[in-house]
C-alpha atoms as a PDB file:
ATOM      1  CA  MET A   1      10.564  12.667  12.044  1.00  0.00           C
ATOM      2  CA  GLY A   2      10.528   8.884  11.899  1.00  0.00           C
ATOM      3  CA  TYR A   3       7.325   6.891  11.651  1.00  0.00           C
ATOM      4  CA  ASP A   4       6.555   3.315  12.571  1.00  0.00           C
ATOM      5  CA  ILE A   5       4.467   1.217  10.226  1.00  0.00           C
ATOM      6  CA  ARG A   6       1.101   0.395  11.769  1.00  0.00           C
ATOM      7  CA  THR A   7       0.125  -3.259  11.746  1.00  0.00           C
ATOM      8  CA  TYR A   8      -3.055  -5.299  11.516  1.00  0.00           C
ATOM      9  CA  GLY A   9      -5.409  -4.528  14.374  1.00  0.00           C
ATOM     10  CA  ASP A  10      -4.651  -0.784  14.413  1.00  0.00           C
ATOM     11  CA  PRO A  11      -7.963   1.014  13.691  1.00  0.00           C
ATOM     12  CA  VAL A  12      -6.214   3.630  11.527  1.00  0.00           C
ATOM     13  CA  LEU A  13      -5.829   0.910   8.879  1.00  0.00           C
ATOM     14  CA  THR A  14      -9.591   0.476   8.511  1.00  0.00           C
ATOM     15  CA  THR A  15     -10.480   4.162   8.226  1.00  0.00           C
ATOM     16  CA  VAL A  16     -10.929   6.020   4.928  1.00  0.00           C
ATOM     17  CA  ALA A  17      -8.236   8.685   4.518  1.00  0.00           C
ATOM     18  CA  GLU A  18      -9.062  12.338   3.814  1.00  0.00           C
ATOM     19  CA  GLN A  19      -8.409  14.134   0.530  1.00  0.00           C
ATOM     20  CA  VAL A  20      -5.393  16.446   0.480  1.00  0.00           C
ATOM     21  CA  GLU A  21      -6.596  20.006  -0.116  1.00  0.00           C
ATOM     22  CA  ASN A  22      -3.265  21.842  -0.048  1.00  0.00           C
ATOM     23  CA  ILE A  23       0.191  20.633  -1.076  1.00  0.00           C
ATOM     24  CA  ASP A  24       2.544  22.504   1.209  1.00  0.00           C
ATOM     25  CA  GLY A  25       5.872  21.949   2.958  1.00  0.00           C
ATOM     26  CA  LYS A  26       4.184  19.773   5.564  1.00  0.00           C
ATOM     27  CA  VAL A  27       2.945  17.376   2.860  1.00  0.00           C
ATOM     28  CA  VAL A  28       6.378  17.303   1.205  1.00  0.00           C
ATOM     29  CA  ARG A  29       8.074  16.518   4.546  1.00  0.00           C
ATOM     30  CA  LEU A  30       5.477  13.811   5.218  1.00  0.00           C
ATOM     31  CA  THR A  31       6.188  12.136   1.874  1.00  0.00           C
ATOM     32  CA  GLN A  32       9.940  12.211   2.578  1.00  0.00           C
ATOM     33  CA  SER A  33       9.296  10.502   5.932  1.00  0.00           C
ATOM     34  CA  MET A  34       7.034   7.974   4.205  1.00  0.00           C
ATOM     35  CA  LEU A  35       9.779   7.104   1.713  1.00  0.00           C
ATOM     36  CA  GLN A  36      12.268   6.642   4.582  1.00  0.00           C
ATOM     37  CA  ALA A  37       9.852   4.305   6.397  1.00  0.00           C
ATOM     38  CA  MET A  38       9.167   2.391   3.173  1.00  0.00           C
ATOM     39  CA  TYR A  39      12.857   1.887   2.385  1.00  0.00           C
ATOM     40  CA  LYS A  40      13.603   0.897   5.979  1.00  0.00           C
ATOM     41  CA  ALA A  41      10.832  -1.739   6.014  1.00  0.00           C
ATOM     42  CA  PRO A  42      11.852  -2.621   3.169  1.00  0.00           C
ATOM     43  CA  GLY A  43       8.967  -2.177   0.785  1.00  0.00           C
ATOM     44  CA  LEU A  44       8.108  -0.836  -2.637  1.00  0.00           C
ATOM     45  CA  GLY A  45       5.003   1.128  -1.675  1.00  0.00           C
ATOM     46  CA  LEU A  46       3.551   2.789   1.427  1.00  0.00           C
ATOM     47  CA  ALA A  47       0.266   4.596   2.054  1.00  0.00           C
ATOM     48  CA  ALA A  48      -0.012   7.425   4.597  1.00  0.00           C
ATOM     49  CA  PRO A  49      -2.509   5.500   6.814  1.00  0.00           C
ATOM     50  CA  GLN A  50       0.149   2.823   7.283  1.00  0.00           C
ATOM     51  CA  ILE A  51       2.106   5.358   9.352  1.00  0.00           C
ATOM     52  CA  GLY A  52      -1.008   6.695  11.078  1.00  0.00           C
ATOM     53  CA  VAL A  53      -1.632   9.715   8.823  1.00  0.00           C
ATOM     54  CA  GLN A  54      -5.160   9.837   7.431  1.00  0.00           C
ATOM     55  CA  LYS A  55      -4.375  11.523   4.119  1.00  0.00           C
ATOM     56  CA  GLN A  56      -4.913  10.307   0.541  1.00  0.00           C
ATOM     57  CA  ILE A  57      -1.192   9.957  -0.214  1.00  0.00           C
ATOM     58  CA  PHE A  58       1.024   7.052  -1.145  1.00  0.00           C
ATOM     59  CA  VAL A  59       4.644   6.723  -2.182  1.00  0.00           C
ATOM     60  CA  TYR A  60       6.360   4.014  -4.163  1.00  0.00           C
ATOM     61  CA  ASP A  61       9.647   3.106  -5.798  1.00  0.00           C
ATOM     62  CA  ILE A  62       9.957   0.051  -8.008  1.00  0.00           C
ATOM     63  CA  ASP A  63      12.698   1.265 -10.356  1.00  0.00           C
ATOM     64  CA  GLY A  64      14.881   3.657  -8.343  1.00  0.00           C
ATOM     65  CA  THR A  65      12.552   6.614  -8.946  1.00  0.00           C
ATOM     66  CA  PRO A  66      10.686   7.527  -5.741  1.00  0.00           C
ATOM     67  CA  THR A  67       7.207   8.799  -6.625  1.00  0.00           C
ATOM     68  CA  THR A  68       4.443  10.433  -4.595  1.00  0.00           C
ATOM     69  CA  LEU A  69       0.787  10.263  -5.594  1.00  0.00           C
ATOM     70  CA  ILE A  70      -1.863  12.442  -3.944  1.00  0.00           C
ATOM     71  CA  ASN A  71      -5.634  11.874  -4.071  1.00  0.00           C
ATOM     72  CA  PRO A  72      -5.178   8.915  -6.442  1.00  0.00           C
ATOM     73  CA  LYS A  73      -7.987   7.024  -8.120  1.00  0.00           C
ATOM     74  CA  ILE A  74      -8.194   4.246 -10.668  1.00  0.00           C
ATOM     75  CA  VAL A  75     -10.154   5.381 -13.709  1.00  0.00           C
ATOM     76  CA  GLU A  76      -9.824   2.196 -15.798  1.00  0.00           C
ATOM     77  CA  GLU A  77      -8.923  -1.447 -15.185  1.00  0.00           C
ATOM     78  CA  ARG A  78      -8.585  -4.496 -17.434  1.00  0.00           C
ATOM     79  CA  GLY A  79      -7.802  -8.184 -17.231  1.00  0.00           C
ATOM     80  CA  GLU A  80      -6.807 -10.387 -14.309  1.00  0.00           C
ATOM     81  CA  TRP A  81      -3.455 -11.218 -12.770  1.00  0.00           C
ATOM     82  CA  VAL A  82      -2.785 -13.725  -9.996  1.00  0.00           C
ATOM     83  CA  PHE A  83       0.217 -13.043  -7.758  1.00  0.00           C
ATOM     84  CA  ASP A  84       1.366 -13.579  -4.181  1.00  0.00           C
ATOM     85  CA  GLU A  85       0.560 -10.389  -2.327  1.00  0.00           C
ATOM     86  CA  GLY A  86       1.838  -9.238   1.028  1.00  0.00           C
ATOM     87  CA  CYS A  87       1.572  -6.092   3.129  1.00  0.00           C
ATOM     88  CA  LEU A  88       3.945  -4.125   5.367  1.00  0.00           C
ATOM     89  CA  SER A  89       1.035  -3.835   7.815  1.00  0.00           C
ATOM     90  CA  ILE A  90       0.587  -7.620   7.866  1.00  0.00           C
ATOM     91  CA  PRO A  91       4.254  -8.660   8.040  1.00  0.00           C
ATOM     92  CA  GLY A  92       5.291 -12.124   6.982  1.00  0.00           C
ATOM     93  CA  LEU A  93       2.043 -13.106   5.292  1.00  0.00           C
ATOM     94  CA  PHE A  94       1.732 -13.689   1.534  1.00  0.00           C
ATOM     95  CA  VAL A  95      -1.464 -14.770  -0.187  1.00  0.00           C
ATOM     96  CA  GLU A  96      -2.155 -15.565  -3.842  1.00  0.00           C
ATOM     97  CA  MET A  97      -4.683 -12.979  -4.975  1.00  0.00           C
ATOM     98  CA  VAL A  98      -6.442 -12.025  -8.201  1.00  0.00           C
ATOM     99  CA  ARG A  99      -6.546  -8.356  -9.153  1.00  0.00           C
ATOM    100  CA  PRO A 100      -6.948  -6.489 -12.433  1.00  0.00           C
ATOM    101  CA  LYS A 101      -3.788  -6.822 -14.547  1.00  0.00           C
ATOM    102  CA  GLU A 102      -3.835  -3.286 -15.992  1.00  0.00           C
ATOM    103  CA  VAL A 103      -4.995   0.012 -14.534  1.00  0.00           C
ATOM    104  CA  LEU A 104      -5.069   3.668 -15.457  1.00  0.00           C
ATOM    105  CA  LEU A 105      -4.458   5.734 -12.347  1.00  0.00           C
ATOM    106  CA  GLU A 106      -5.107   9.451 -12.018  1.00  0.00           C
ATOM    107  CA  ALA A 107      -3.528  11.464  -9.213  1.00  0.00           C
ATOM    108  CA  VAL A 108      -1.886  14.750  -8.296  1.00  0.00           C
ATOM    109  CA  ASP A 109       1.897  15.001  -8.024  1.00  0.00           C
ATOM    110  CA  LEU A 110       3.851  17.077  -5.479  1.00  0.00           C
ATOM    111  CA  ASN A 111       3.823  20.027  -7.902  1.00  0.00           C
ATOM    112  CA  GLY A 112       0.015  20.054  -7.945  1.00  0.00           C
ATOM    113  CA  ASN A 113      -0.228  18.669 -11.490  1.00  0.00           C
ATOM    114  CA  THR A 114      -2.885  16.100 -12.360  1.00  0.00           C
ATOM    115  CA  ILE A 115      -1.160  13.092 -13.890  1.00  0.00           C
ATOM    116  CA  GLN A 116      -2.211   9.753 -15.342  1.00  0.00           C
ATOM    117  CA  ILE A 117      -0.131   6.588 -15.169  1.00  0.00           C
ATOM    118  CA  GLU A 118      -0.817   3.429 -17.141  1.00  0.00           C
ATOM    119  CA  ALA A 119       0.365   0.409 -15.183  1.00  0.00           C
ATOM    120  CA  ASP A 120       0.317  -3.345 -15.556  1.00  0.00           C
ATOM    121  CA  GLU A 121       1.161  -6.372 -13.433  1.00  0.00           C
ATOM    122  CA  LEU A 122       3.464  -5.374 -10.533  1.00  0.00           C
ATOM    123  CA  LEU A 123       2.896  -1.619 -10.667  1.00  0.00           C
ATOM    124  CA  ALA A 124      -0.847  -2.055 -11.251  1.00  0.00           C
ATOM    125  CA  ARG A 125      -1.038  -4.353  -8.218  1.00  0.00           C
ATOM    126  CA  LEU A 126       0.971  -1.890  -6.118  1.00  0.00           C
ATOM    127  CA  PHE A 127      -1.425   0.947  -7.075  1.00  0.00           C
ATOM    128  CA  GLN A 128      -4.483  -1.148  -6.209  1.00  0.00           C
ATOM    129  CA  HIS A 129      -2.982  -2.296  -2.914  1.00  0.00           C
ATOM    130  CA  GLU A 130      -2.025   1.236  -1.797  1.00  0.00           C
ATOM    131  CA  LEU A 131      -5.415   2.605  -2.887  1.00  0.00           C
ATOM    132  CA  ASP A 132      -7.044  -0.041  -0.708  1.00  0.00           C
ATOM    133  CA  HIS A 133      -5.083   1.348   2.251  1.00  0.00           C
ATOM    134  CA  LEU A 134      -6.359   4.856   1.483  1.00  0.00           C
ATOM    135  CA  ASN A 135      -9.894   3.449   1.539  1.00  0.00           C
ATOM    136  CA  GLY A 136      -9.456   1.572   4.813  1.00  0.00           C
ATOM    137  CA  VAL A 137      -9.313  -1.838   3.129  1.00  0.00           C
ATOM    138  CA  LEU A 138      -6.795  -4.498   4.118  1.00  0.00           C
ATOM    139  CA  MET A 139      -5.941  -7.438   1.895  1.00  0.00           C
ATOM    140  CA  PHE A 140      -7.887  -9.758   4.228  1.00  0.00           C
ATOM    141  CA  GLU A 141     -11.022  -8.160   2.761  1.00  0.00           C
ATOM    142  CA  ARG A 142      -9.919  -9.050  -0.796  1.00  0.00           C
ATOM    143  CA  MET A 143      -9.602 -12.748   0.014  1.00  0.00           C
ATOM    144  CA  THR A 144     -12.123 -15.535  -0.372  1.00  0.00           C
ATOM    145  CA  PRO A 145     -13.597 -16.662   2.990  1.00  0.00           C
ATOM    146  CA  GLU A 146     -11.406 -19.780   2.879  1.00  0.00           C
ATOM    147  CA  GLN A 147      -8.265 -17.760   2.122  1.00  0.00           C
ATOM    148  CA  ARG A 148      -9.133 -15.300   4.894  1.00  0.00           C
ATOM    149  CA  ASP A 149      -9.586 -18.043   7.509  1.00  0.00           C
ATOM    150  CA  GLU A 150      -6.298 -19.675   6.535  1.00  0.00           C
ATOM    151  CA  ALA A 151      -4.454 -16.315   6.327  1.00  0.00           C
ATOM    152  CA  LEU A 152      -5.715 -15.186   9.749  1.00  0.00           C
ATOM    153  CA  ARG A 153      -4.585 -18.497  11.285  1.00  0.00           C
ATOM    154  CA  GLU A 154      -1.174 -18.152   9.641  1.00  0.00           C
ATOM    155  CA  TYR A 155      -0.836 -14.498  10.683  1.00  0.00           C
ATOM    156  CA  LYS A 156      -1.657 -15.426  14.285  1.00  0.00           C
ATOM    157  CA  ARG A 157       0.931 -18.213  14.130  1.00  0.00           C
ATOM    158  CA  ILE A 158       3.563 -15.791  12.741  1.00  0.00           C
ATOM    159  CA  ALA A 159       2.707 -13.120  15.318  1.00  0.00           C
ATOM    160  CA  ASP A 160       2.764 -15.625  18.189  1.00  0.00           C
ATOM    161  CA  ALA A 161       6.212 -16.781  17.051  1.00  0.00           C
ATOM    162  CA  GLY A 162       7.595 -13.236  17.065  1.00  0.00           C
ATOM    163  CA  GLY A 163       6.904 -12.561  13.388  1.00  0.00           C
ATOM    164  CA  PRO A 164       9.361 -12.273  10.483  1.00  0.00           C
ATOM    165  CA  VAL A 165       9.716  -9.062   8.507  1.00  0.00           C
ATOM    166  CA  GLY A 166       8.784 -10.871   5.308  1.00  0.00           C
ATOM    167  CA  ASP A 167      10.587 -11.456   2.046  1.00  0.00           C
ATOM    168  CA  PRO A 168      11.486  -8.173   0.266  1.00  0.00           C
ATOM    169  CA  ARG A 169      11.412  -9.932  -3.130  1.00  0.00           C
ATOM    170  CA  HIS A 170       7.607 -10.077  -2.857  1.00  0.00           C
ATOM    171  CA  ILE A 171       6.585  -6.710  -4.289  1.00  0.00           C
ATOM    172  CA  GLY A 172       7.370  -4.882  -1.063  1.00  0.00           C
ATOM    173  CA  LEU A 173       3.656  -4.709  -0.389  1.00  0.00           C
ATOM    174  CA  LYS A 174       4.297  -6.697   2.739  1.00  0.00           C
END
């Protein structure tokens, strides 16, 4: 089953996703569909709410190893890292944002095992961005008021012009 990526303005993107209680065939099939949608976009990470599914799941692939994380949470964070961030749900828009440089993420894998992943820079940013989606937070909410005003104007301009798909070199968090 193919899914379309939901874009800014869709209320599903501002709703907190539900915990996954049972990892079954339905969840596995969902994650396979999520990976297909992510690769098609193209992107490096995709959260279930971005395809309209309100579950605490995200997938990513930054090194050729597709990975699924269920019920993820950040248990530690350190430092700061500034980088242009985009979002598949806000296509074409990239904004310089500050986020913690390093994180320790805890989640459940598809086998039901609790895992921890230490991440820095790109992967740390990807984790934080996808976790925001699971919590109903879009990157507009992470911006300063000035950045938000400018970004909303630019997004409206892009959307009015028919909107590009964005530059896949930018993290894939478009």
